[in-house]
Amino acid sequence: MAATQYRTIVDGEEAMGEFEDRRSRFIAQLAHVSSEREAQAFIETIRARHRDARHNVPAWVLGDGRERCSDDGEPSHTGGTPVLEVLRSAGLADVCCVVTRYFGGTLLGPGGLKRAYTAAAQHAVANAEEAGLVVEMTLVTRVTCVIPYAAYGRVERLVRDCDGRVHDTIFAEDVQLTARFRTGEELRFVEAMRDLAAGEDLCIVGEPMFAEF
C-alpha cells in the first residue's frame, strides 16, 4: 500500500549533527531534495565544502520511494547503509544526508564506523526536529468550485464539515473557492456539493499530490 504521508525537511534549510570517536569527526548535513538531480547537487556541494575530508558518505530518500546510498570508500555497508536506515527510521523522505568524516588516525572497525555514522545522522535529525525544520507531507486532493456569493458561507462551512481546508478564494463575478482534502475525503464534499446544486457538477477535482495539510 502506497504511503499517504511522510516527513521531510523544510525546503531551503539545512540541519547538522556531529559525532566524534577517537579523534575521527563525523559531521552529518541534512537537507530537503525533491529529485535525484537535487540530491546529487547537494552531495557535490558538501564534497566541495569538505574537499579535505577522507570521506563524504551520502544517503537519500525520495517521496516516490526511490533511495540510494554510498559508502564513499568506507568498508562495505559501514557508512551509507546506516545513514539510510536513520532516514528510514525517522520516516523522512525527499531528503539527502551526507556525513563527512575527518579521519583521526585510529581505525574504528566496522562496528565502530556503523555506530559513528548512525550517531551523526541521528544528531542531525534530532537537531532538525528541535529547530522546527521537520514538516509532515500528506497526500491531498485539491477541489475547485465556482459558486454564487450567496452560497459562499455555506460552502465554506461544508469544506470544514468534510474535514477539508480552504486553500484559496478568488472573488470576481462569482466566487472561485479551492479547498484541500486528505485524498479520499474529497469524495464526501463533492457529493455534498452535487446535492447542494440539485445534481449539477460544480467541482473540478485535481490529481492527488503531497503537500503540507
Foldseek 3Di string as FASTA:
>chain_A
DADFKFKEFAAPDKFWFWDDDLQKIKIKIKHAAADPVRQVVVQVVVCVVPVVFPAWWKWAAASVGDIDTDPRPDPPPQAGVLLNVLCVVRRYHRMMMIITIHDNPDDLPSVRSNVRNNRGSNRRVVRSVVVVRMAMKGWKKKKKFWAAPVCVVVLCVLCVVLVKAWDDWDDDNTIITMIMDRPPSVVVSQVVVCVVVVNDRGMDMGDIDIDGD
